[in-house]
C-alpha atoms as a PDB file:
ATOM      1  CA  MET A   1     -29.836  21.555  23.116  1.00  0.00           C
ATOM      2  CA  ASP A   2     -33.416  20.415  22.856  1.00  0.00           C
ATOM      3  CA  GLN A   3     -33.756  16.977  24.436  1.00  0.00           C
ATOM      4  CA  LEU A   4     -35.500  15.464  21.411  1.00  0.00           C
ATOM      5  CA  ILE A   5     -32.741  16.678  19.099  1.00  0.00           C
ATOM      6  CA  PHE A   6     -30.094  15.257  21.427  1.00  0.00           C
ATOM      7  CA  GLN A   7     -31.832  11.887  21.615  1.00  0.00           C
ATOM      8  CA  ARG A   8     -32.183  11.701  17.837  1.00  0.00           C
ATOM      9  CA  GLU A   9     -28.549  12.608  17.164  1.00  0.00           C
ATOM     10  CA  ASN A  10     -27.285  10.220  19.830  1.00  0.00           C
ATOM     11  CA  ARG A  11     -29.446   7.426  18.396  1.00  0.00           C
ATOM     12  CA  GLU A  12     -28.143   8.106  14.889  1.00  0.00           C
ATOM     13  CA  ARG A  13     -24.522   7.996  16.054  1.00  0.00           C
ATOM     14  CA  ILE A  14     -25.049   4.663  17.798  1.00  0.00           C
ATOM     15  CA  GLN A  15     -26.908   3.160  14.838  1.00  0.00           C
ATOM     16  CA  ALA A  16     -24.114   4.252  12.486  1.00  0.00           C
ATOM     17  CA  LEU A  17     -21.605   2.628  14.838  1.00  0.00           C
ATOM     18  CA  GLU A  18     -23.645  -0.591  14.888  1.00  0.00           C
ATOM     19  CA  SER A  19     -23.724  -0.680  11.091  1.00  0.00           C
ATOM     20  CA  SER A  20     -19.943  -0.214  10.860  1.00  0.00           C
ATOM     21  CA  PHE A  21     -19.456  -3.655  12.419  1.00  0.00           C
ATOM     22  CA  GLY A  22     -21.497  -5.413   9.721  1.00  0.00           C
ATOM     23  CA  LEU A  23     -23.752  -8.430  10.171  1.00  0.00           C
ATOM     24  CA  SER A  24     -21.675  -9.965  12.981  1.00  0.00           C
ATOM     25  CA  ARG A  25     -22.325  -7.018  15.295  1.00  0.00           C
ATOM     26  CA  ARG A  26     -24.122  -7.029  18.611  1.00  0.00           C
ATOM     27  CA  LEU A  27     -26.792  -4.370  18.989  1.00  0.00           C
ATOM     28  CA  LEU A  28     -25.674  -1.259  20.872  1.00  0.00           C
ATOM     29  CA  SER A  29     -28.903   0.741  20.809  1.00  0.00           C
ATOM     30  CA  THR A  30     -30.239   0.593  24.366  1.00  0.00           C
ATOM     31  CA  PRO A  31     -32.548   3.051  26.173  1.00  0.00           C
ATOM     32  CA  GLY A  32     -30.472   5.557  28.132  1.00  0.00           C
ATOM     33  CA  ARG A  33     -27.174   4.668  26.443  1.00  0.00           C
ATOM     34  CA  VAL A  34     -25.084   7.663  25.361  1.00  0.00           C
ATOM     35  CA  LEU A  35     -21.977   7.663  23.170  1.00  0.00           C
ATOM     36  CA  MET A  36     -19.453   9.708  25.168  1.00  0.00           C
ATOM     37  CA  GLY A  37     -16.233   9.445  23.143  1.00  0.00           C
ATOM     38  CA  GLU A  38     -14.351   7.652  20.396  1.00  0.00           C
ATOM     39  CA  GLY A  39     -10.848   7.351  19.011  1.00  0.00           C
ATOM     40  CA  GLN A  40      -8.010   5.050  18.004  1.00  0.00           C
ATOM     41  CA  LEU A  41      -5.582   3.446  20.448  1.00  0.00           C
ATOM     42  CA  LEU A  42      -2.829   0.866  20.112  1.00  0.00           C
ATOM     43  CA  LYS A  43      -3.788  -2.422  21.765  1.00  0.00           C
ATOM     44  CA  GLN A  44      -0.956  -4.760  22.731  1.00  0.00           C
ATOM     45  CA  GLY A  45      -1.733  -8.109  21.165  1.00  0.00           C
ATOM     46  CA  ARG A  46      -0.113 -11.457  21.605  1.00  0.00           C
ATOM     47  CA  ARG A  47       2.341 -10.832  18.775  1.00  0.00           C
ATOM     48  CA  LYS A  48       2.411  -7.056  18.415  1.00  0.00           C
ATOM     49  CA  ALA A  49       0.535  -3.842  19.096  1.00  0.00           C
ATOM     50  CA  GLU A  50      -2.187  -2.944  16.621  1.00  0.00           C
ATOM     51  CA  PRO A  51      -4.439   0.101  16.169  1.00  0.00           C
ATOM     52  CA  LYS A  52      -8.002  -0.491  17.352  1.00  0.00           C
ATOM     53  CA  VAL A  53     -10.993   1.819  17.387  1.00  0.00           C
ATOM     54  CA  PHE A  54     -12.497   2.409  20.847  1.00  0.00           C
ATOM     55  CA  PHE A  55     -15.949   3.757  21.723  1.00  0.00           C
ATOM     56  CA  LEU A  56     -16.855   4.854  25.243  1.00  0.00           C
ATOM     57  CA  PHE A  57     -20.512   4.852  26.274  1.00  0.00           C
ATOM     58  CA  ASN A  58     -21.968   5.818  29.624  1.00  0.00           C
ATOM     59  CA  ASP A  59     -22.276   2.110  30.545  1.00  0.00           C
ATOM     60  CA  VAL A  60     -19.938   0.059  28.302  1.00  0.00           C
ATOM     61  CA  LEU A  61     -16.573   0.221  26.524  1.00  0.00           C
ATOM     62  CA  VAL A  62     -16.483  -1.125  22.963  1.00  0.00           C
ATOM     63  CA  TYR A  63     -13.546  -1.719  20.649  1.00  0.00           C
ATOM     64  CA  GLY A  64     -12.909  -3.401  17.326  1.00  0.00           C
ATOM     65  CA  SER A  65     -10.435  -3.911  14.519  1.00  0.00           C
ATOM     66  CA  ILE A  66     -10.267  -1.334  11.747  1.00  0.00           C
ATOM     67  CA  ILE A  67     -11.113  -2.332   8.173  1.00  0.00           C
ATOM     68  CA  LEU A  68     -11.718   1.141   6.765  1.00  0.00           C
ATOM     69  CA  SER A  69     -11.109   3.976   9.216  1.00  0.00           C
ATOM     70  CA  GLY A  70     -14.348   5.712  10.180  1.00  0.00           C
ATOM     71  CA  ARG A  71     -16.539   3.344   8.159  1.00  0.00           C
ATOM     72  CA  TRP A  72     -16.009  -0.383   8.657  1.00  0.00           C
ATOM     73  CA  HIS A  73     -14.866  -2.400  11.669  1.00  0.00           C
ATOM     74  CA  LYS A  74     -14.808  -6.043  12.790  1.00  0.00           C
ATOM     75  CA  ASN A  75     -14.237  -8.223  15.886  1.00  0.00           C
ATOM     76  CA  GLN A  76     -16.504  -6.182  18.132  1.00  0.00           C
ATOM     77  CA  LYS A  77     -15.748  -6.501  21.866  1.00  0.00           C
ATOM     78  CA  ILE A  78     -18.052  -5.084  24.567  1.00  0.00           C
ATOM     79  CA  PHE A  79     -17.135  -4.645  28.251  1.00  0.00           C
ATOM     80  CA  PRO A  80     -19.524  -3.362  30.958  1.00  0.00           C
ATOM     81  CA  LEU A  81     -17.937  -0.406  32.747  1.00  0.00           C
ATOM     82  CA  GLU A  82     -18.684  -1.836  36.192  1.00  0.00           C
ATOM     83  CA  ASP A  83     -16.362  -4.762  35.316  1.00  0.00           C
ATOM     84  CA  ILE A  84     -13.452  -2.548  34.286  1.00  0.00           C
ATOM     85  CA  GLN A  85     -10.436  -1.602  36.385  1.00  0.00           C
ATOM     86  CA  LEU A  86      -7.702   0.728  35.077  1.00  0.00           C
ATOM     87  CA  GLN A  87      -4.048   0.707  36.059  1.00  0.00           C
ATOM     88  CA  ASP A  88      -1.643   3.452  35.025  1.00  0.00           C
ATOM     89  CA  LEU A  89       1.754   2.375  33.666  1.00  0.00           C
ATOM     90  CA  GLN A  90       5.080   3.940  32.879  1.00  0.00           C
ATOM     91  CA  ASP A  91       6.380   4.080  29.323  1.00  0.00           C
ATOM     92  CA  SER A  92       8.234   1.063  27.971  1.00  0.00           C
ATOM     93  CA  GLU A  93      10.779   0.837  25.167  1.00  0.00           C
ATOM     94  CA  ARG A  94       8.083  -0.432  22.839  1.00  0.00           C
ATOM     95  CA  LEU A  95       5.005   1.574  23.859  1.00  0.00           C
ATOM     96  CA  THR A  96       4.492   4.993  25.403  1.00  0.00           C
ATOM     97  CA  ASN A  97       1.455   6.578  27.091  1.00  0.00           C
ATOM     98  CA  GLN A  98       0.112   3.177  28.052  1.00  0.00           C
ATOM     99  CA  TRP A  99      -2.196   1.763  30.711  1.00  0.00           C
ATOM    100  CA  LEU A 100      -3.819  -1.541  31.594  1.00  0.00           C
ATOM    101  CA  ILE A 101      -7.518  -2.294  31.175  1.00  0.00           C
ATOM    102  CA  ARG A 102      -8.565  -5.206  33.391  1.00  0.00           C
ATOM    103  CA  THR A 103     -11.856  -7.126  33.124  1.00  0.00           C
ATOM    104  CA  PRO A 104     -12.949 -10.533  34.486  1.00  0.00           C
ATOM    105  CA  ARG A 105     -12.657 -12.220  31.074  1.00  0.00           C
ATOM    106  CA  LYS A 106      -9.809 -10.306  29.489  1.00  0.00           C
ATOM    107  CA  SER A 107      -7.040  -7.899  30.486  1.00  0.00           C
ATOM    108  CA  PHE A 108      -4.991  -5.948  27.959  1.00  0.00           C
ATOM    109  CA  PHE A 109      -2.625  -3.008  27.529  1.00  0.00           C
ATOM    110  CA  VAL A 110      -3.410   0.019  25.380  1.00  0.00           C
ATOM    111  CA  SER A 111      -1.349   3.020  24.303  1.00  0.00           C
ATOM    112  CA  ALA A 112      -2.447   6.520  23.287  1.00  0.00           C
ATOM    113  CA  PRO A 113      -0.738   8.842  20.766  1.00  0.00           C
ATOM    114  CA  SER A 114       0.022  11.406  23.488  1.00  0.00           C
ATOM    115  CA  TYR A 115       0.016  11.872  27.236  1.00  0.00           C
ATOM    116  CA  ASP A 116      -3.038  14.145  27.025  1.00  0.00           C
ATOM    117  CA  GLU A 117      -4.928  11.486  25.073  1.00  0.00           C
ATOM    118  CA  LYS A 118      -4.028   8.888  27.683  1.00  0.00           C
ATOM    119  CA  GLN A 119      -5.258  11.111  30.509  1.00  0.00           C
ATOM    120  CA  ALA A 120      -8.454  11.933  28.618  1.00  0.00           C
ATOM    121  CA  TRP A 121      -9.300   8.265  28.063  1.00  0.00           C
ATOM    122  CA  MET A 122      -8.504   7.198  31.605  1.00  0.00           C
ATOM    123  CA  HIS A 123     -10.387  10.113  33.173  1.00  0.00           C
ATOM    124  CA  HIS A 124     -13.468   9.701  30.984  1.00  0.00           C
ATOM    125  CA  ILE A 125     -13.656   5.940  31.587  1.00  0.00           C
ATOM    126  CA  GLU A 126     -13.299   6.407  35.344  1.00  0.00           C
ATOM    127  CA  ASP A 127     -15.874   9.207  35.362  1.00  0.00           C
ATOM    128  CA  CYS A 128     -18.478   7.213  33.418  1.00  0.00           C
ATOM    129  CA  ARG A 129     -17.818   4.165  35.591  1.00  0.00           C
ATOM    130  CA  SER A 130     -18.180   6.079  38.871  1.00  0.00           C
ATOM    131  CA  ARG A 131     -21.441   7.654  37.687  1.00  0.00           C
ATOM    132  CA  LEU A 132     -22.757   4.245  36.687  1.00  0.00           C
ATOM    133  CA  LEU A 133     -21.874   2.711  40.062  1.00  0.00           C
ATOM    134  CA  ARG A 134     -23.434   5.641  41.937  1.00  0.00           C
ATOM    135  CA  GLY A 135     -26.707   4.699  40.282  1.00  0.00           C
ATOM    136  CA  GLY A 136     -26.752   1.560  42.449  1.00  0.00           C
ATOM    137  CA  SER A 137     -28.010  -0.776  39.718  1.00  0.00           C
ATOM    138  CA  CYS A 138     -24.738  -2.717  39.365  1.00  0.00           C
ATOM    139  CA  GLN A 139     -21.764  -3.819  41.450  1.00  0.00           C
ATOM    140  CA  PRO A 140     -18.060  -3.586  40.553  1.00  0.00           C
ATOM    141  CA  SER A 141     -16.129  -6.729  39.741  1.00  0.00           C
ATOM    142  CA  SER A 142     -13.448  -7.914  42.158  1.00  0.00           C
ATOM    143  CA  THR A 143     -11.856 -10.674  40.073  1.00  0.00           C
ATOM    144  CA  PHE A 144      -9.912 -10.053  36.870  1.00  0.00           C
ATOM    145  CA  ALA A 145      -8.208 -12.051  34.147  1.00  0.00           C
ATOM    146  CA  VAL A 146      -4.418 -11.899  33.985  1.00  0.00           C
ATOM    147  CA  SER A 147      -2.645 -10.294  31.056  1.00  0.00           C
ATOM    148  CA  TRP A 148      -0.785 -12.600  28.685  1.00  0.00           C
ATOM    149  CA  ILE A 149       2.960 -12.356  28.137  1.00  0.00           C
ATOM    150  CA  PRO A 150       3.643 -11.676  24.419  1.00  0.00           C
ATOM    151  CA  ASP A 151       5.048 -14.478  22.268  1.00  0.00           C
ATOM    152  CA  ALA A 152       8.264 -12.569  21.591  1.00  0.00           C
ATOM    153  CA  ALA A 153       9.036 -12.212  25.309  1.00  0.00           C
ATOM    154  CA  ALA A 154      10.261 -15.815  25.710  1.00  0.00           C
ATOM    155  CA  TYR A 155      11.939 -18.376  23.448  1.00  0.00           C
ATOM    156  CA  LYS A 156      11.783 -21.086  26.133  1.00  0.00           C
ATOM    157  CA  CYS A 157       8.961 -22.561  28.194  1.00  0.00           C
ATOM    158  CA  MET A 158       8.684 -20.520  31.395  1.00  0.00           C
ATOM    159  CA  ARG A 159       8.142 -23.700  33.440  1.00  0.00           C
ATOM    160  CA  CYS A 160      10.473 -26.420  32.073  1.00  0.00           C
ATOM    161  CA  PHE A 161      12.734 -24.136  29.972  1.00  0.00           C
ATOM    162  CA  SER A 162      12.484 -26.293  26.856  1.00  0.00           C
ATOM    163  CA  ARG A 163      13.051 -24.279  23.670  1.00  0.00           C
ATOM    164  CA  PHE A 164      10.022 -23.384  21.568  1.00  0.00           C
ATOM    165  CA  THR A 165      10.108 -24.739  18.016  1.00  0.00           C
ATOM    166  CA  ALA A 166       7.660 -25.351  15.180  1.00  0.00           C
ATOM    167  CA  ALA A 167       6.794 -28.638  16.874  1.00  0.00           C
ATOM    168  CA  ASN A 168       7.049 -27.417  20.476  1.00  0.00           C
ATOM    169  CA  ARG A 169       4.607 -24.532  20.236  1.00  0.00           C
ATOM    170  CA  ARG A 170       3.861 -21.680  22.605  1.00  0.00           C
ATOM    171  CA  HIS A 171       0.722 -21.760  24.755  1.00  0.00           C
ATOM    172  CA  HIS A 172      -0.588 -19.481  27.494  1.00  0.00           C
ATOM    173  CA  CYS A 173      -1.663 -20.509  30.966  1.00  0.00           C
ATOM    174  CA  ARG A 174      -5.025 -18.864  31.652  1.00  0.00           C
ATOM    175  CA  LYS A 175      -4.248 -18.437  35.351  1.00  0.00           C
ATOM    176  CA  CYS A 176      -0.782 -16.859  35.286  1.00  0.00           C
ATOM    177  CA  GLY A 177      -0.454 -15.779  31.630  1.00  0.00           C
ATOM    178  CA  PHE A 178       2.986 -17.416  31.277  1.00  0.00           C
ATOM    179  CA  LEU A 179       4.249 -18.818  27.970  1.00  0.00           C
ATOM    180  CA  VAL A 180       4.465 -22.588  28.373  1.00  0.00           C
ATOM    181  CA  CYS A 181       4.888 -25.677  26.206  1.00  0.00           C
ATOM    182  CA  ASN A 182       2.169 -28.265  25.653  1.00  0.00           C
ATOM    183  CA  SER A 183       3.770 -30.736  28.081  1.00  0.00           C
ATOM    184  CA  CYS A 184       3.596 -28.150  30.855  1.00  0.00           C
ATOM    185  CA  SER A 185      -0.018 -27.188  30.139  1.00  0.00           C
ATOM    186  CA  LYS A 186      -1.937 -30.410  29.601  1.00  0.00           C
ATOM    187  CA  THR A 187      -4.357 -29.723  32.444  1.00  0.00           C
ATOM    188  CA  ARG A 188      -7.714 -28.014  31.889  1.00  0.00           C
ATOM    189  CA  GLU A 189      -9.705 -26.263  34.618  1.00  0.00           C
ATOM    190  CA  VAL A 190     -12.812 -24.141  34.911  1.00  0.00           C
ATOM    191  CA  ILE A 191     -11.921 -20.537  35.816  1.00  0.00           C
ATOM    192  CA  ASP A 192     -15.267 -19.089  36.852  1.00  0.00           C
ATOM    193  CA  HIS A 193     -14.649 -15.413  36.097  1.00  0.00           C
ATOM    194  CA  ILE A 194     -13.450 -16.227  32.563  1.00  0.00           C
ATOM    195  CA  HIS A 195     -16.021 -18.871  31.634  1.00  0.00           C
ATOM    196  CA  PRO A 196     -18.519 -20.560  34.011  1.00  0.00           C
ATOM    197  CA  THR A 197     -18.357 -24.032  32.411  1.00  0.00           C
ATOM    198  CA  LYS A 198     -15.545 -24.282  29.860  1.00  0.00           C
ATOM    199  CA  LYS A 199     -12.307 -25.951  30.944  1.00  0.00           C
ATOM    200  CA  LEU A 200      -9.309 -23.793  30.027  1.00  0.00           C
ATOM    201  CA  ARG A 201      -5.596 -24.460  29.665  1.00  0.00           C
ATOM    202  CA  VAL A 202      -3.521 -24.027  32.845  1.00  0.00           C
ATOM    203  CA  CYS A 203       0.125 -24.788  33.524  1.00  0.00           C
ATOM    204  CA  ARG A 204       1.120 -27.557  35.886  1.00  0.00           C
ATOM    205  CA  ARG A 205       2.320 -25.160  38.582  1.00  0.00           C
ATOM    206  CA  CYS A 206      -0.989 -23.292  38.719  1.00  0.00           C
ATOM    207  CA  HIS A 207      -2.858 -26.593  38.727  1.00  0.00           C
ATOM    208  CA  THR A 208      -0.726 -27.944  41.563  1.00  0.00           C
ATOM    209  CA  SER A 209      -0.963 -24.806  43.680  1.00  0.00           C
ATOM    210  CA  LYS A 210      -4.758 -24.573  43.248  1.00  0.00           C
ATOM    211  CA  THR A 211      -4.401 -20.801  43.411  1.00  0.00           C
ATOM    212  CA  GLU A 212      -7.716 -19.008  43.133  1.00  0.00           C
ATOM    213  CA  GLU A 213      -6.207 -15.975  41.414  1.00  0.00           C
ATOM    214  CA  VAL A 214      -2.704 -15.144  40.211  1.00  0.00           C
ATOM    215  CA  PRO A 215      -1.878 -11.399  40.414  1.00  0.00           C
ATOM    216  CA  SER A 216      -1.523  -9.638  37.077  1.00  0.00           C
ATOM    217  CA  ARG A 217       2.034  -8.671  36.189  1.00  0.00           C
ATOM    218  CA  GLN A 218       2.721  -4.950  36.131  1.00  0.00           C
ATOM    219  CA  ARG A 219       4.786  -5.012  32.936  1.00  0.00           C
ATOM    220  CA  GLY A 220       4.690  -2.472  30.163  1.00  0.00           C
ATOM    221  CA  ASP A 221       5.229  -5.116  27.500  1.00  0.00           C
ATOM    222  CA  SER A 222       2.631  -7.569  28.758  1.00  0.00           C
ATOM    223  CA  THR A 223      -0.491  -8.277  26.803  1.00  0.00           C
ATOM    224  CA  GLY A 224      -4.139  -9.061  27.450  1.00  0.00           C
ATOM    225  CA  LYS A 225      -5.980 -11.687  25.491  1.00  0.00           C
ATOM    226  CA  ASN A 226      -9.392 -13.269  25.621  1.00  0.00           C
ATOM    227  CA  SER A 227      -8.618 -16.218  27.839  1.00  0.00           C
ATOM    228  CA  SER A 228     -11.859 -18.011  26.984  1.00  0.00           C
ATOM    229  CA  GLU A 229     -10.368 -19.011  23.647  1.00  0.00           C
ATOM    230  CA  GLU A 230      -8.877 -22.449  24.019  1.00  0.00           C
ATOM    231  CA  ASP A 231      -6.690 -22.611  20.936  1.00  0.00           C
ATOM    232  CA  ASP A 232      -3.759 -20.243  20.493  1.00  0.00           C
ATOM    233  CA  GLU A 233      -4.565 -19.653  16.830  1.00  0.00           C
ATOM    234  CA  ALA A 234      -8.107 -18.651  17.716  1.00  0.00           C
ATOM    235  CA  ALA A 235      -6.775 -16.400  20.446  1.00  0.00           C
ATOM    236  CA  SER A 236      -4.738 -14.443  17.950  1.00  0.00           C
ATOM    237  CA  SER A 237      -7.329 -14.399  15.181  1.00  0.00           C
ATOM    238  CA  ASP A 238      -7.987 -10.676  15.557  1.00  0.00           C
ATOM    239  CA  GLU A 239      -4.320  -9.801  15.243  1.00  0.00           C
ATOM    240  CA  GLY A 240      -2.834  -8.823  11.889  1.00  0.00           C
ATOM    241  CA  GLU A 241       0.459  -9.704  10.294  1.00  0.00           C
ATOM    242  CA  ASP A 242       3.656  -8.518  11.873  1.00  0.00           C
ATOM    243  CA  GLY A 243       4.682  -5.080  10.746  1.00  0.00           C
ATOM    244  CA  GLU A 244       5.731  -1.652  11.838  1.00  0.00           C
ATOM    245  CA  ILE A 245       3.818  -0.181  14.767  1.00  0.00           C
ATOM    246  CA  THR A 246       2.357   3.227  13.998  1.00  0.00           C
ATOM    247  CA  GLN A 247       0.458   5.473  16.375  1.00  0.00           C
ATOM    248  CA  ASN A 248      -2.735   7.141  15.275  1.00  0.00           C
ATOM    249  CA  GLN A 249      -2.287  10.921  15.049  1.00  0.00           C
ATOM    250  CA  THR A 250      -5.985  11.889  14.979  1.00  0.00           C
ATOM    251  CA  PRO A 251      -7.054  12.918  18.507  1.00  0.00           C
ATOM    252  CA  SER A 252     -10.137  11.356  20.064  1.00  0.00           C
ATOM    253  CA  GLN A 253     -13.510  13.106  20.210  1.00  0.00           C
ATOM    254  CA  TRP A 254     -15.505  13.622  23.402  1.00  0.00           C
ATOM    255  CA  PHE A 255     -19.087  14.552  24.163  1.00  0.00           C
ATOM    256  CA  ASN A 256     -19.377  17.692  26.305  1.00  0.00           C
ATOM    257  CA  THR A 257     -22.329  17.337  28.660  1.00  0.00           C
ATOM    258  CA  GLN A 258     -22.116  20.996  29.640  1.00  0.00           C
ATOM    259  CA  THR A 259     -23.196  22.063  26.159  1.00  0.00           C
ATOM    260  CA  ASP A 260     -24.758  18.778  24.951  1.00  0.00           C
ATOM    261  CA  THR A 261     -22.461  18.902  21.928  1.00  0.00           C
ATOM    262  CA  TRP A 262     -19.499  17.008  20.557  1.00  0.00           C
ATOM    263  CA  GLY A 263     -16.365  19.097  20.905  1.00  0.00           C
ATOM    264  CA  GLN A 264     -13.894  19.680  18.143  1.00  0.00           C
ATOM    265  CA  VAL A 265     -11.535  16.832  17.399  1.00  0.00           C
ATOM    266  CA  GLY A 266      -9.065  16.548  20.247  1.00  0.00           C
ATOM    267  CA  THR A 267     -11.067  18.646  22.721  1.00  0.00           C
ATOM    268  CA  TYR A 268     -10.525  17.348  26.240  1.00  0.00           C
ATOM    269  CA  VAL A 269     -13.243  18.138  28.755  1.00  0.00           C
ATOM    270  CA  ASP A 270     -12.160  17.536  32.330  1.00  0.00           C
ATOM    271  CA  PRO A 271     -14.530  14.914  33.849  1.00  0.00           C
ATOM    272  CA  ALA A 272     -14.874  17.133  36.913  1.00  0.00           C
ATOM    273  CA  ALA A 273     -16.722  19.579  34.673  1.00  0.00           C
ATOM    274  CA  LEU A 274     -19.186  16.967  33.436  1.00  0.00           C
ATOM    275  CA  HIS A 275     -21.758  17.883  36.046  1.00  0.00           C
ATOM    276  CA  GLN A 276     -24.776  17.567  33.766  1.00  0.00           C
ATOM    277  CA  TRP A 277     -25.673  14.060  32.637  1.00  0.00           C
ATOM    278  CA  PRO A 278     -28.005  13.590  29.668  1.00  0.00           C
ATOM    279  CA  GLN A 279     -31.422  12.538  30.861  1.00  0.00           C
END
């Protein structure tokens, strides 16, 4: 494909994606940025798993909530690829074909409609990330946020074992991700990799231990949430009402750098074959 045609079509795709997020969007058009793939995945939220639209670029991963499929989205989240770490997971009773996406500010679980889709997403993300790091302009992150345990996983505080009620509400410790009551999470601390200045909620055990980092739990039903949000209601603001979980059946689309074209819906191009990077 002629380079000028490729650049124009890539720019148009990115501009259309920007527009789909409305006025609250962050600009995605950056010199050298290429849209490599897109599709819908289930993201495990604090209360339930919800379909989200994901967009993979050669330097960032973007996702958002779906208002009108293919046209309008909201709650845009952007993660630099150098800050991402992937962890494969086995199927759980609730979600299949899942894996963990870890970043310094937020870690969360996602699920694909099929095993092939899962492998395609994981391989493409890893391939784009490795190419980015080989460029030498950025360094990988070594510190990651913990994933949050879902609300439904505990009916008692995981520190004092008091029962949660309408008055004794659930909260999340930003260091360990446990569900705790307000009495067990009165302390606030700065957690540098989540927010450099804001004091965040931590449970009394994490505060007492002064642990620098609590390992993320390797649980299929755990959840990731933006730990920089202080209030639990704000933390769940991008989650919808409880309802039946449905997997998206439309396969993702991937850009084939061998032919400089977007493959048919569902086409999976092995990252090992992506030897030609758009210039």
